[in-house]
Amino acid sequence: TMASSYSISSGPEIWVSPGGLINAVPYSDTTTINISNLQNQTLPIIVTSSGPPGEFWDIQAPDSILGLSDANITLSIMEPGYEAVVWVVPDDSGIIVHSDIREVWQ
Protein backbone atom coordinates (compact mmCIF):
# COMPACT_ATOMS: atom_id res chain seq x y z
CA THR A 1 0.00 0.00 0.00
CA MET A 2 1.11 3.52 -0.68
CA ALA A 3 2.03 5.45 2.50
CA SER A 4 2.71 8.85 0.92
CA SER A 5 2.82 10.47 -2.45
CA TYR A 6 4.48 13.67 -3.53
CA SER A 7 3.96 15.90 -6.53
CA ILE A 8 7.19 17.34 -7.91
CA SER A 9 6.83 20.69 -9.64
CA SER A 10 8.84 23.82 -10.16
CA GLY A 11 8.61 26.35 -7.36
CA PRO A 12 10.44 27.54 -4.27
CA GLU A 13 12.39 25.01 -2.23
CA ILE A 14 10.83 24.68 1.24
CA TRP A 15 10.51 22.11 4.01
CA VAL A 16 7.36 21.78 6.15
CA SER A 17 7.22 20.16 9.58
CA PRO A 18 5.10 18.38 10.68
CA GLY A 19 3.68 17.02 7.47
CA GLY A 20 4.79 16.79 3.90
CA LEU A 21 4.34 18.94 0.88
CA ILE A 22 0.81 18.62 -0.46
CA ASN A 23 0.09 15.83 2.08
CA ALA A 24 -2.70 16.97 4.37
CA VAL A 25 -2.23 16.44 8.10
CA PRO A 26 -5.18 16.68 10.54
CA TYR A 27 -4.79 19.01 13.53
CA SER A 28 -6.82 19.83 16.63
CA ASP A 29 -6.17 22.18 19.59
CA THR A 30 -3.17 24.50 18.96
CA THR A 31 -0.41 23.46 16.59
CA THR A 32 2.68 25.17 15.24
CA ILE A 33 3.69 24.37 11.67
CA ASN A 34 7.28 25.26 10.79
CA ILE A 35 8.22 26.21 7.24
CA SER A 36 11.90 26.38 6.27
CA ASN A 37 12.79 28.50 3.25
CA LEU A 38 15.75 26.75 1.61
CA GLN A 39 16.28 29.52 -0.95
CA ASN A 40 18.26 32.73 -0.65
CA GLN A 41 15.27 35.00 -1.31
CA THR A 42 12.27 36.22 0.65
CA LEU A 43 9.03 34.43 -0.19
CA PRO A 44 5.49 35.67 0.50
CA ILE A 45 3.18 33.46 2.57
CA ILE A 46 -0.44 33.32 1.44
CA VAL A 47 -3.02 31.71 3.74
CA THR A 48 -6.30 30.35 2.40
CA SER A 49 -8.91 28.77 4.61
CA SER A 50 -12.39 27.38 4.55
CA GLY A 51 -14.60 26.38 7.40
CA PRO A 52 -17.41 27.54 9.62
CA PRO A 53 -17.58 31.26 10.40
CA GLY A 54 -17.13 32.46 13.94
CA GLU A 55 -14.66 31.98 16.73
CA PHE A 56 -13.97 28.26 16.25
CA TRP A 57 -10.45 28.63 14.82
CA ASP A 58 -7.62 31.04 14.07
CA ILE A 59 -4.53 30.97 11.86
CA GLN A 60 -1.58 33.29 12.50
CA ALA A 61 1.19 33.53 9.88
CA PRO A 62 3.79 36.11 8.88
CA ASP A 63 3.38 37.86 5.54
CA SER A 64 6.67 36.46 4.28
CA ILE A 65 9.66 34.30 5.16
CA LEU A 66 13.23 35.54 4.72
CA GLY A 67 15.68 33.58 2.61
CA LEU A 68 17.44 30.68 4.35
CA SER A 69 15.28 31.03 7.46
CA ASP A 70 12.22 29.58 9.20
CA ALA A 71 8.73 30.85 9.90
CA ASN A 72 6.02 29.45 12.14
CA ILE A 73 2.32 29.26 11.40
CA THR A 74 0.07 28.82 14.42
CA LEU A 75 -3.26 27.08 13.98
CA SER A 76 -5.66 27.22 16.93
CA ILE A 77 -8.91 25.27 17.14
CA MET A 78 -10.77 26.79 20.09
CA GLU A 79 -13.93 24.70 20.00
CA PRO A 80 -13.96 20.96 20.80
CA GLY A 81 -15.34 18.78 18.04
CA TYR A 82 -13.50 20.56 15.21
CA GLU A 83 -10.31 19.69 13.38
CA ALA A 84 -8.31 21.19 10.55
CA VAL A 85 -6.47 19.73 7.62
CA VAL A 86 -3.54 21.87 6.49
CA TRP A 87 -1.36 21.50 3.42
CA VAL A 88 1.43 23.72 2.13
CA VAL A 89 2.12 24.24 -1.57
CA PRO A 90 5.12 26.13 -2.97
CA ASP A 91 4.42 27.81 -6.28
CA ASP A 92 5.68 30.71 -8.39
CA SER A 93 3.69 33.25 -6.34
CA GLY A 94 5.23 32.09 -3.03
CA ILE A 95 4.16 29.68 -0.31
CA ILE A 96 0.45 28.91 -0.11
CA VAL A 97 -0.91 27.50 3.16
CA HIS A 98 -4.31 25.87 2.61
CA SER A 99 -6.54 24.91 5.53
CA ASP A 100 -9.94 23.34 5.82
CA ILE A 101 -11.65 23.38 9.22
CA ARG A 102 -14.56 21.00 9.75
CA GLU A 103 -16.59 19.34 12.44
CA VAL A 104 -15.17 15.95 13.46
CA TRP A 105 -17.26 13.05 12.15
CA GLN A 106 -18.62 10.94 15.00
PDB file of N, CA and C in Angstrom:
ATOM      1  N   THR A   1       0.838  -1.186   0.000  1.00  0.00           N
ATOM      2  CA  THR A   1       0.000   0.000   0.000  1.00  0.00           C
ATOM      3  C   THR A   1       0.875   1.238   0.000  1.00  0.00           C
ATOM      4  N   MET A   2       0.363   2.273  -0.600  1.00  0.00           N
ATOM      5  CA  MET A   2       1.115   3.520  -0.676  1.00  0.00           C
ATOM      6  C   MET A   2       0.956   4.286   0.644  1.00  0.00           C
ATOM      7  N   ALA A   3       2.067   4.694   1.249  1.00  0.00           N
ATOM      8  CA  ALA A   3       2.029   5.448   2.502  1.00  0.00           C
ATOM      9  C   ALA A   3       1.973   6.944   2.253  1.00  0.00           C
ATOM     10  N   SER A   4       2.672   7.417   1.245  1.00  0.00           N
ATOM     11  CA  SER A   4       2.712   8.845   0.919  1.00  0.00           C
ATOM     12  C   SER A   4       2.950   9.004  -0.568  1.00  0.00           C
ATOM     13  N   SER A   5       2.498  10.129  -1.073  1.00  0.00           N
ATOM     14  CA  SER A   5       2.823  10.468  -2.452  1.00  0.00           C
ATOM     15  C   SER A   5       3.166  11.942  -2.503  1.00  0.00           C
ATOM     16  N   TYR A   6       4.042  12.297  -3.412  1.00  0.00           N
ATOM     17  CA  TYR A   6       4.485  13.669  -3.533  1.00  0.00           C
ATOM     18  C   TYR A   6       4.385  14.094  -4.988  1.00  0.00           C
ATOM     19  N   SER A   7       4.009  15.330  -5.190  1.00  0.00           N
ATOM     20  CA  SER A   7       3.962  15.898  -6.526  1.00  0.00           C
ATOM     21  C   SER A   7       5.174  16.810  -6.685  1.00  0.00           C
ATOM     22  N   ILE A   8       5.998  16.537  -7.662  1.00  0.00           N
ATOM     23  CA  ILE A   8       7.189  17.339  -7.905  1.00  0.00           C
ATOM     24  C   ILE A   8       6.858  18.363  -8.983  1.00  0.00           C
ATOM     25  N   SER A   9       7.074  19.622  -8.667  1.00  0.00           N
ATOM     26  CA  SER A   9       6.829  20.689  -9.636  1.00  0.00           C
ATOM     27  C   SER A   9       7.825  21.809  -9.389  1.00  0.00           C
ATOM     28  N   SER A  10       7.928  22.702 -10.348  1.00  0.00           N
ATOM     29  CA  SER A  10       8.843  23.819 -10.157  1.00  0.00           C
ATOM     30  C   SER A  10       8.228  24.798  -9.172  1.00  0.00           C
ATOM     31  N   GLY A  11       9.061  25.404  -8.374  1.00  0.00           N
ATOM     32  CA  GLY A  11       8.614  26.354  -7.362  1.00  0.00           C
ATOM     33  C   GLY A  11       9.693  26.514  -6.324  1.00  0.00           C
ATOM     34  N   PRO A  12       9.430  27.326  -5.309  1.00  0.00           N
ATOM     35  CA  PRO A  12      10.443  27.544  -4.273  1.00  0.00           C
ATOM     36  C   PRO A  12      10.745  26.267  -3.489  1.00  0.00           C
ATOM     37  N   GLU A  13      11.985  26.152  -3.037  1.00  0.00           N
ATOM     38  CA  GLU A  13      12.386  25.009  -2.225  1.00  0.00           C
ATOM     39  C   GLU A  13      12.089  25.319  -0.767  1.00  0.00           C
ATOM     40  N   ILE A  14      11.194  24.508  -0.165  1.00  0.00           N
ATOM     41  CA  ILE A  14      10.832  24.682   1.242  1.00  0.00           C
ATOM     42  C   ILE A  14      10.754  23.314   1.900  1.00  0.00           C
ATOM     43  N   TRP A  15      10.729  23.327   3.233  1.00  0.00           N
ATOM     44  CA  TRP A  15      10.506  22.112   4.013  1.00  0.00           C
ATOM     45  C   TRP A  15       9.446  22.438   5.045  1.00  0.00           C
ATOM     46  N   VAL A  16       8.471  21.554   5.224  1.00  0.00           N
ATOM     47  CA  VAL A  16       7.358  21.777   6.147  1.00  0.00           C
ATOM     48  C   VAL A  16       7.382  20.695   7.211  1.00  0.00           C
ATOM     49  N   SER A  17       7.237  21.116   8.478  1.00  0.00           N
ATOM     50  CA  SER A  17       7.219  20.159   9.575  1.00  0.00           C
ATOM     51  C   SER A  17       6.190  20.598  10.616  1.00  0.00           C
ATOM     52  N   PRO A  18       5.298  19.761  11.100  1.00  0.00           N
ATOM     53  CA  PRO A  18       5.096  18.379  10.675  1.00  0.00           C
ATOM     54  C   PRO A  18       4.361  18.335   9.348  1.00  0.00           C
ATOM     55  N   GLY A  19       4.413  17.198   8.718  1.00  0.00           N
ATOM     56  CA  GLY A  19       3.680  17.016   7.473  1.00  0.00           C
ATOM     57  C   GLY A  19       4.605  16.994   6.288  1.00  0.00           C
ATOM     58  N   GLY A  20       4.036  16.803   5.136  1.00  0.00           N
ATOM     59  CA  GLY A  20       4.793  16.793   3.903  1.00  0.00           C
ATOM     60  C   GLY A  20       4.155  17.735   2.917  1.00  0.00           C
ATOM     61  N   LEU A  21       4.877  18.044   1.895  1.00  0.00           N
ATOM     62  CA  LEU A  21       4.343  18.935   0.879  1.00  0.00           C
ATOM     63  C   LEU A  21       3.140  18.286   0.213  1.00  0.00           C
ATOM     64  N   ILE A  22       2.067  19.008   0.166  1.00  0.00           N
ATOM     65  CA  ILE A  22       0.813  18.621  -0.459  1.00  0.00           C
ATOM     66  C   ILE A  22       0.170  17.415   0.229  1.00  0.00           C
ATOM     67  N   ASN A  23       0.742  16.879   1.298  1.00  0.00           N
ATOM     68  CA  ASN A  23       0.090  15.835   2.084  1.00  0.00           C
ATOM     69  C   ASN A  23      -0.627  16.500   3.248  1.00  0.00           C
ATOM     70  N   ALA A  24      -1.924  16.332   3.312  1.00  0.00           N
ATOM     71  CA  ALA A  24      -2.697  16.969   4.368  1.00  0.00           C
ATOM     72  C   ALA A  24      -2.500  16.232   5.684  1.00  0.00           C
ATOM     73  N   VAL A  25      -2.396  16.984   6.764  1.00  0.00           N
ATOM     74  CA  VAL A  25      -2.228  16.442   8.099  1.00  0.00           C
ATOM     75  C   VAL A  25      -3.353  16.996   8.959  1.00  0.00           C
ATOM     76  N   PRO A  26      -4.104  16.151   9.691  1.00  0.00           N
ATOM     77  CA  PRO A  26      -5.177  16.682  10.540  1.00  0.00           C
ATOM     78  C   PRO A  26      -4.623  17.253  11.848  1.00  0.00           C
ATOM     79  N   TYR A  27      -5.211  18.347  12.303  1.00  0.00           N
ATOM     80  CA  TYR A  27      -4.793  19.013  13.531  1.00  0.00           C
ATOM     81  C   TYR A  27      -6.010  19.326  14.392  1.00  0.00           C
ATOM     82  N   SER A  28      -5.826  19.334  15.701  1.00  0.00           N
ATOM     83  CA  SER A  28      -6.821  19.825  16.634  1.00  0.00           C
ATOM     84  C   SER A  28      -6.070  20.584  17.721  1.00  0.00           C
ATOM     85  N   ASP A  29      -6.774  21.333  18.557  1.00  0.00           N
ATOM     86  CA  ASP A  29      -6.167  22.178  19.586  1.00  0.00           C
ATOM     87  C   ASP A  29      -5.289  23.250  18.937  1.00  0.00           C
ATOM     88  N   THR A  30      -4.089  23.499  19.511  1.00  0.00           N
ATOM     89  CA  THR A  30      -3.173  24.503  18.962  1.00  0.00           C
ATOM     90  C   THR A  30      -1.916  23.800  18.450  1.00  0.00           C
ATOM     91  N   THR A  31      -1.543  24.111  17.238  1.00  0.00           N
ATOM     92  CA  THR A  31      -0.407  23.464  16.589  1.00  0.00           C
ATOM     93  C   THR A  31       0.452  24.516  15.921  1.00  0.00           C
ATOM     94  N   THR A  32       1.757  24.313  15.959  1.00  0.00           N
ATOM     95  CA  THR A  32       2.684  25.167  15.235  1.00  0.00           C
ATOM     96  C   THR A  32       3.256  24.383  14.073  1.00  0.00           C
ATOM     97  N   ILE A  33       3.153  24.969  12.886  1.00  0.00           N
ATOM     98  CA  ILE A  33       3.687  24.369  11.674  1.00  0.00           C
ATOM     99  C   ILE A  33       4.898  25.208  11.276  1.00  0.00           C
ATOM    100  N   ASN A  34       6.042  24.555  11.136  1.00  0.00           N
ATOM    101  CA  ASN A  34       7.280  25.258  10.790  1.00  0.00           C
ATOM    102  C   ASN A  34       7.549  25.104   9.304  1.00  0.00           C
ATOM    103  N   ILE A  35       7.842  26.232   8.650  1.00  0.00           N
ATOM    104  CA  ILE A  35       8.224  26.214   7.241  1.00  0.00           C
ATOM    105  C   ILE A  35       9.655  26.744   7.144  1.00  0.00           C
ATOM    106  N   SER A  36      10.522  25.964   6.510  1.00  0.00           N
ATOM    107  CA  SER A  36      11.903  26.380   6.274  1.00  0.00           C
ATOM    108  C   SER A  36      12.043  26.789   4.812  1.00  0.00           C
ATOM    109  N   ASN A  37      12.525  27.997   4.598  1.00  0.00           N
ATOM    110  CA  ASN A  37      12.795  28.497   3.255  1.00  0.00           C
ATOM    111  C   ASN A  37      14.236  28.121   2.917  1.00  0.00           C
ATOM    112  N   LEU A  38      14.418  27.243   1.961  1.00  0.00           N
ATOM    113  CA  LEU A  38      15.746  26.755   1.606  1.00  0.00           C
ATOM    114  C   LEU A  38      16.390  27.568   0.491  1.00  0.00           C
ATOM    115  N   GLN A  39      15.753  28.658   0.104  1.00  0.00           N
ATOM    116  CA  GLN A  39      16.283  29.521  -0.950  1.00  0.00           C
ATOM    117  C   GLN A  39      16.835  30.799  -0.350  1.00  0.00           C
ATOM    118  N   ASN A  40      17.647  31.490  -1.119  1.00  0.00           N
ATOM    119  CA  ASN A  40      18.263  32.729  -0.655  1.00  0.00           C
ATOM    120  C   ASN A  40      17.449  33.942  -1.118  1.00  0.00           C
ATOM    121  N   GLN A  41      16.141  33.877  -0.981  1.00  0.00           N
ATOM    122  CA  GLN A  41      15.273  34.999  -1.314  1.00  0.00           C
ATOM    123  C   GLN A  41      14.035  34.965  -0.433  1.00  0.00           C
ATOM    124  N   THR A  42      13.481  36.122  -0.157  1.00  0.00           N
ATOM    125  CA  THR A  42      12.266  36.225   0.649  1.00  0.00           C
ATOM    126  C   THR A  42      11.077  35.749  -0.172  1.00  0.00           C
ATOM    127  N   LEU A  43      10.221  34.953   0.471  1.00  0.00           N
ATOM    128  CA  LEU A  43       9.033  34.426  -0.194  1.00  0.00           C
ATOM    129  C   LEU A  43       7.781  34.876   0.550  1.00  0.00           C
ATOM    130  N   PRO A  44       6.748  35.328  -0.165  1.00  0.00           N
ATOM    131  CA  PRO A  44       5.489  35.671   0.503  1.00  0.00           C
ATOM    132  C   PRO A  44       4.776  34.402   0.979  1.00  0.00           C
ATOM    133  N   ILE A  45       4.018  34.544   2.061  1.00  0.00           N
ATOM    134  CA  ILE A  45       3.181  33.463   2.569  1.00  0.00           C
ATOM    135  C   ILE A  45       1.731  33.886   2.393  1.00  0.00           C
ATOM    136  N   ILE A  46       0.974  33.053   1.699  1.00  0.00           N
ATOM    137  CA  ILE A  46      -0.441  33.319   1.439  1.00  0.00           C
ATOM    138  C   ILE A  46      -1.241  32.247   2.160  1.00  0.00           C
ATOM    139  N   VAL A  47      -2.199  32.657   2.985  1.00  0.00           N
ATOM    140  CA  VAL A  47      -3.023  31.711   3.742  1.00  0.00           C
ATOM    141  C   VAL A  47      -4.428  31.703   3.160  1.00  0.00           C
ATOM    142  N   THR A  48      -4.915  30.514   2.823  1.00  0.00           N
ATOM    143  CA  THR A  48      -6.298  30.353   2.401  1.00  0.00           C
ATOM    144  C   THR A  48      -6.971  29.404   3.382  1.00  0.00           C
ATOM    145  N   SER A  49      -8.222  29.642   3.673  1.00  0.00           N
ATOM    146  CA  SER A  49      -8.913  28.768   4.614  1.00  0.00           C
ATOM    147  C   SER A  49     -10.386  28.673   4.266  1.00  0.00           C
ATOM    148  N   SER A  50     -10.953  27.557   4.658  1.00  0.00           N
ATOM    149  CA  SER A  50     -12.394  27.379   4.553  1.00  0.00           C
ATOM    150  C   SER A  50     -12.858  26.690   5.818  1.00  0.00           C
ATOM    151  N   GLY A  51     -14.059  26.965   6.191  1.00  0.00           N
ATOM    152  CA  GLY A  51     -14.603  26.375   7.403  1.00  0.00           C
ATOM    153  C   GLY A  51     -15.750  27.204   7.921  1.00  0.00           C
ATOM    154  N   PRO A  52     -16.272  26.820   9.066  1.00  0.00           N
ATOM    155  CA  PRO A  52     -17.414  27.545   9.618  1.00  0.00           C
ATOM    156  C   PRO A  52     -17.011  28.943  10.065  1.00  0.00           C
ATOM    157  N   PRO A  53     -17.888  29.910   9.900  1.00  0.00           N
ATOM    158  CA  PRO A  53     -17.577  31.259  10.398  1.00  0.00           C
ATOM    159  C   PRO A  53     -17.631  31.284  11.919  1.00  0.00           C
ATOM    160  N   GLY A  54     -17.050  32.298  12.489  1.00  0.00           N
ATOM    161  CA  GLY A  54     -17.134  32.461  13.938  1.00  0.00           C
ATOM    162  C   GLY A  54     -15.794  32.332  14.621  1.00  0.00           C
ATOM    163  N   GLU A  55     -15.849  32.004  15.874  1.00  0.00           N
ATOM    164  CA  GLU A  55     -14.661  31.980  16.734  1.00  0.00           C
ATOM    165  C   GLU A  55     -14.134  30.570  16.972  1.00  0.00           C
ATOM    166  N   PHE A  56     -14.383  29.645  16.051  1.00  0.00           N
ATOM    167  CA  PHE A  56     -13.966  28.258  16.250  1.00  0.00           C
ATOM    168  C   PHE A  56     -12.478  28.049  16.045  1.00  0.00           C
ATOM    169  N   TRP A  57     -11.826  28.889  15.221  1.00  0.00           N
ATOM    170  CA  TRP A  57     -10.451  28.631  14.824  1.00  0.00           C
ATOM    171  C   TRP A  57      -9.756  29.935  14.452  1.00  0.00           C
ATOM    172  N   ASP A  58      -8.429  29.868  14.423  1.00  0.00           N
ATOM    173  CA  ASP A  58      -7.622  31.038  14.073  1.00  0.00           C
ATOM    174  C   ASP A  58      -6.300  30.563  13.481  1.00  0.00           C
ATOM    175  N   ILE A  59      -5.829  31.255  12.457  1.00  0.00           N
ATOM    176  CA  ILE A  59      -4.528  30.968  11.857  1.00  0.00           C
ATOM    177  C   ILE A  59      -3.695  32.247  11.879  1.00  0.00           C
ATOM    178  N   GLN A  60      -2.507  32.168  12.452  1.00  0.00           N
ATOM    179  CA  GLN A  60      -1.575  33.289  12.498  1.00  0.00           C
ATOM    180  C   GLN A  60      -0.336  32.922  11.684  1.00  0.00           C
ATOM    181  N   ALA A  61       0.013  33.781  10.725  1.00  0.00           N
ATOM    182  CA  ALA A  61       1.187  33.528   9.881  1.00  0.00           C
ATOM    183  C   ALA A  61       1.824  34.857   9.508  1.00  0.00           C
ATOM    184  N   PRO A  62       3.139  34.879   9.363  1.00  0.00           N
ATOM    185  CA  PRO A  62       3.789  36.107   8.879  1.00  0.00           C
ATOM    186  C   PRO A  62       3.440  36.325   7.410  1.00  0.00           C
ATOM    187  N   ASP A  63       3.647  37.544   6.938  1.00  0.00           N
ATOM    188  CA  ASP A  63       3.376  37.864   5.538  1.00  0.00           C
ATOM    189  C   ASP A  63       4.411  37.263   4.592  1.00  0.00           C
ATOM    190  N   SER A  64       5.617  37.004   5.127  1.00  0.00           N
ATOM    191  CA  SER A  64       6.674  36.458   4.280  1.00  0.00           C
ATOM    192  C   SER A  64       7.683  35.718   5.151  1.00  0.00           C
ATOM    193  N   ILE A  65       8.588  35.012   4.481  1.00  0.00           N
ATOM    194  CA  ILE A  65       9.664  34.301   5.163  1.00  0.00           C
ATOM    195  C   ILE A  65      10.976  34.679   4.468  1.00  0.00           C
ATOM    196  N   LEU A  66      11.934  35.127   5.256  1.00  0.00           N
ATOM    197  CA  LEU A  66      13.230  35.539   4.717  1.00  0.00           C
ATOM    198  C   LEU A  66      13.963  34.342   4.115  1.00  0.00           C
ATOM    199  N   GLY A  67      14.875  34.624   3.214  1.00  0.00           N
ATOM    200  CA  GLY A  67      15.683  33.583   2.610  1.00  0.00           C
ATOM    201  C   GLY A  67      16.514  32.852   3.646  1.00  0.00           C
ATOM    202  N   LEU A  68      16.629  31.539   3.481  1.00  0.00           N
ATOM    203  CA  LEU A  68      17.439  30.679   4.353  1.00  0.00           C
ATOM    204  C   LEU A  68      17.051  30.817   5.821  1.00  0.00           C
ATOM    205  N   SER A  69      15.747  30.934   6.083  1.00  0.00           N
ATOM    206  CA  SER A  69      15.281  31.025   7.462  1.00  0.00           C
ATOM    207  C   SER A  69      13.967  30.277   7.622  1.00  0.00           C
ATOM    208  N   ASP A  70      13.447  30.290   8.853  1.00  0.00           N
ATOM    209  CA  ASP A  70      12.217  29.578   9.197  1.00  0.00           C
ATOM    210  C   ASP A  70      11.121  30.561   9.568  1.00  0.00           C
ATOM    211  N   ALA A  71       9.893  30.106   9.432  1.00  0.00           N
ATOM    212  CA  ALA A  71       8.727  30.851   9.900  1.00  0.00           C
ATOM    213  C   ALA A  71       7.745  29.854  10.493  1.00  0.00           C
ATOM    214  N   ASN A  72       7.021  30.295  11.513  1.00  0.00           N
ATOM    215  CA  ASN A  72       6.021  29.447  12.142  1.00  0.00           C
ATOM    216  C   ASN A  72       4.621  29.941  11.817  1.00  0.00           C
ATOM    217  N   ILE A  73       3.742  28.993  11.577  1.00  0.00           N
ATOM    218  CA  ILE A  73       2.323  29.264  11.401  1.00  0.00           C
ATOM    219  C   ILE A  73       1.617  28.603  12.569  1.00  0.00           C
ATOM    220  N   THR A  74       0.783  29.355  13.273  1.00  0.00           N
ATOM    221  CA  THR A  74       0.067  28.820  14.422  1.00  0.00           C
ATOM    222  C   THR A  74      -1.397  28.641  14.064  1.00  0.00           C
ATOM    223  N   LEU A  75      -1.866  27.422  14.222  1.00  0.00           N
ATOM    224  CA  LEU A  75      -3.262  27.076  13.984  1.00  0.00           C
ATOM    225  C   LEU A  75      -3.888  26.758  15.326  1.00  0.00           C
ATOM    226  N   SER A  76      -4.963  27.459  15.670  1.00  0.00           N
ATOM    227  CA  SER A  76      -5.658  27.222  16.931  1.00  0.00           C
ATOM    228  C   SER A  76      -7.104  26.843  16.650  1.00  0.00           C
ATOM    229  N   ILE A  77      -7.518  25.712  17.199  1.00  0.00           N
ATOM    230  CA  ILE A  77      -8.913  25.274  17.145  1.00  0.00           C
ATOM    231  C   ILE A  77      -9.446  25.454  18.560  1.00  0.00           C
ATOM    232  N   MET A  78     -10.322  26.439  18.751  1.00  0.00           N
ATOM    233  CA  MET A  78     -10.767  26.793  20.094  1.00  0.00           C
ATOM    234  C   MET A  78     -12.016  26.040  20.547  1.00  0.00           C
ATOM    235  N   GLU A  79     -12.672  25.367  19.662  1.00  0.00           N
ATOM    236  CA  GLU A  79     -13.928  24.699  19.996  1.00  0.00           C
ATOM    237  C   GLU A  79     -13.744  23.186  19.881  1.00  0.00           C
ATOM    238  N   PRO A  80     -14.080  22.409  20.931  1.00  0.00           N
ATOM    239  CA  PRO A  80     -13.964  20.960  20.799  1.00  0.00           C
ATOM    240  C   PRO A  80     -14.906  20.453  19.705  1.00  0.00           C
ATOM    241  N   GLY A  81     -14.508  19.362  19.080  1.00  0.00           N
ATOM    242  CA  GLY A  81     -15.340  18.781  18.038  1.00  0.00           C
ATOM    243  C   GLY A  81     -14.997  19.263  16.641  1.00  0.00           C
ATOM    244  N   TYR A  82     -13.946  20.083  16.524  1.00  0.00           N
ATOM    245  CA  TYR A  82     -13.503  20.555  15.210  1.00  0.00           C
ATOM    246  C   TYR A  82     -12.052  20.149  14.992  1.00  0.00           C
ATOM    247  N   GLU A  83     -11.690  19.949  13.744  1.00  0.00           N
ATOM    248  CA  GLU A  83     -10.306  19.694  13.383  1.00  0.00           C
ATOM    249  C   GLU A  83     -10.015  20.378  12.060  1.00  0.00           C
ATOM    250  N   ALA A  84      -8.728  20.538  11.782  1.00  0.00           N
ATOM    251  CA  ALA A  84      -8.305  21.191  10.547  1.00  0.00           C
ATOM    252  C   ALA A  84      -7.373  20.270   9.781  1.00  0.00           C
ATOM    253  N   VAL A  85      -7.443  20.364   8.485  1.00  0.00           N
ATOM    254  CA  VAL A  85      -6.467  19.727   7.620  1.00  0.00           C
ATOM    255  C   VAL A  85      -5.706  20.860   6.951  1.00  0.00           C
ATOM    256  N   VAL A  86      -4.384  20.798   7.014  1.00  0.00           N
ATOM    257  CA  VAL A  86      -3.538  21.865   6.485  1.00  0.00           C
ATOM    258  C   VAL A  86      -2.554  21.253   5.496  1.00  0.00           C
ATOM    259  N   TRP A  87      -2.381  21.916   4.371  1.00  0.00           N
ATOM    260  CA  TRP A  87      -1.359  21.499   3.424  1.00  0.00           C
ATOM    261  C   TRP A  87      -0.682  22.735   2.854  1.00  0.00           C
ATOM    262  N   VAL A  88       0.598  22.599   2.572  1.00  0.00           N
ATOM    263  CA  VAL A  88       1.425  23.717   2.132  1.00  0.00           C
ATOM    264  C   VAL A  88       1.914  23.427   0.723  1.00  0.00           C
ATOM    265  N   VAL A  89       1.749  24.419  -0.160  1.00  0.00           N
ATOM    266  CA  VAL A  89       2.116  24.241  -1.567  1.00  0.00           C
ATOM    267  C   VAL A  89       3.041  25.386  -1.981  1.00  0.00           C
ATOM    268  N   PRO A  90       4.271  25.084  -2.410  1.00  0.00           N
ATOM    269  CA  PRO A  90       5.124  26.131  -2.968  1.00  0.00           C
ATOM    270  C   PRO A  90       4.763  26.324  -4.439  1.00  0.00           C
ATOM    271  N   ASP A  91       4.620  27.565  -4.855  1.00  0.00           N
ATOM    272  CA  ASP A  91       4.424  27.810  -6.283  1.00  0.00           C
ATOM    273  C   ASP A  91       5.102  29.119  -6.657  1.00  0.00           C
ATOM    274  N   ASP A  92       4.961  29.534  -7.900  1.00  0.00           N
ATOM    275  CA  ASP A  92       5.683  30.708  -8.390  1.00  0.00           C
ATOM    276  C   ASP A  92       5.292  31.994  -7.668  1.00  0.00           C
ATOM    277  N   SER A  93       4.114  32.038  -7.053  1.00  0.00           N
ATOM    278  CA  SER A  93       3.688  33.247  -6.336  1.00  0.00           C
ATOM    279  C   SER A  93       4.172  33.262  -4.886  1.00  0.00           C
ATOM    280  N   GLY A  94       4.736  32.159  -4.399  1.00  0.00           N
ATOM    281  CA  GLY A  94       5.229  32.088  -3.033  1.00  0.00           C
ATOM    282  C   GLY A  94       4.832  30.782  -2.378  1.00  0.00           C
ATOM    283  N   ILE A  95       4.542  30.852  -1.084  1.00  0.00           N
ATOM    284  CA  ILE A  95       4.164  29.683  -0.307  1.00  0.00           C
ATOM    285  C   ILE A  95       2.682  29.828   0.032  1.00  0.00           C
ATOM    286  N   ILE A  96       1.888  28.851  -0.368  1.00  0.00           N
ATOM    287  CA  ILE A  96       0.448  28.908  -0.108  1.00  0.00           C
ATOM    288  C   ILE A  96       0.119  27.881   0.968  1.00  0.00           C
ATOM    289  N   VAL A  97      -0.486  28.358   2.053  1.00  0.00           N
ATOM    290  CA  VAL A  97      -0.915  27.498   3.155  1.00  0.00           C
ATOM    291  C   VAL A  97      -2.426  27.367   3.044  1.00  0.00           C
ATOM    292  N   HIS A  98      -2.878  26.159   2.725  1.00  0.00           N
ATOM    293  CA  HIS A  98      -4.309  25.875   2.613  1.00  0.00           C
ATOM    294  C   HIS A  98      -4.779  25.227   3.906  1.00  0.00           C
ATOM    295  N   SER A  99      -5.972  25.583   4.363  1.00  0.00           N
ATOM    296  CA  SER A  99      -6.541  24.914   5.529  1.00  0.00           C
ATOM    297  C   SER A  99      -8.036  24.741   5.331  1.00  0.00           C
ATOM    298  N   ASP A 100      -8.524  23.653   5.858  1.00  0.00           N
ATOM    299  CA  ASP A 100      -9.944  23.341   5.816  1.00  0.00           C
ATOM    300  C   ASP A 100     -10.344  22.909   7.218  1.00  0.00           C
ATOM    301  N   ILE A 101     -11.227  23.663   7.849  1.00  0.00           N
ATOM    302  CA  ILE A 101     -11.654  23.380   9.215  1.00  0.00           C
ATOM    303  C   ILE A 101     -13.069  22.814   9.145  1.00  0.00           C
ATOM    304  N   ARG A 102     -13.261  21.680   9.784  1.00  0.00           N
ATOM    305  CA  ARG A 102     -14.555  21.000   9.749  1.00  0.00           C
ATOM    306  C   ARG A 102     -14.876  20.372  11.093  1.00  0.00           C
ATOM    307  N   GLU A 103     -16.150  20.064  11.266  1.00  0.00           N
ATOM    308  CA  GLU A 103     -16.594  19.339  12.443  1.00  0.00           C
ATOM    309  C   GLU A 103     -16.112  17.900  12.322  1.00  0.00           C
ATOM    310  N   VAL A 104     -15.663  17.327  13.439  1.00  0.00           N
ATOM    311  CA  VAL A 104     -15.173  15.945  13.457  1.00  0.00           C
ATOM    312  C   VAL A 104     -16.359  15.012  13.264  1.00  0.00           C
ATOM    313  N   TRP A 105     -16.215  14.033  12.387  1.00  0.00           N
ATOM    314  CA  TRP A 105     -17.263  13.046  12.148  1.00  0.00           C
ATOM    315  C   TRP A 105     -17.305  12.082  13.329  1.00  0.00           C
ATOM    316  N   GLN A 106     -18.463  11.858  13.854  1.00  0.00           N
ATOM    317  CA  GLN A 106     -18.622  10.944  14.998  1.00  0.00           C
ATOM    318  C   GLN A 106     -19.104   9.590  14.531  1.00  0.00           C
TER     319      GLN A 106
END
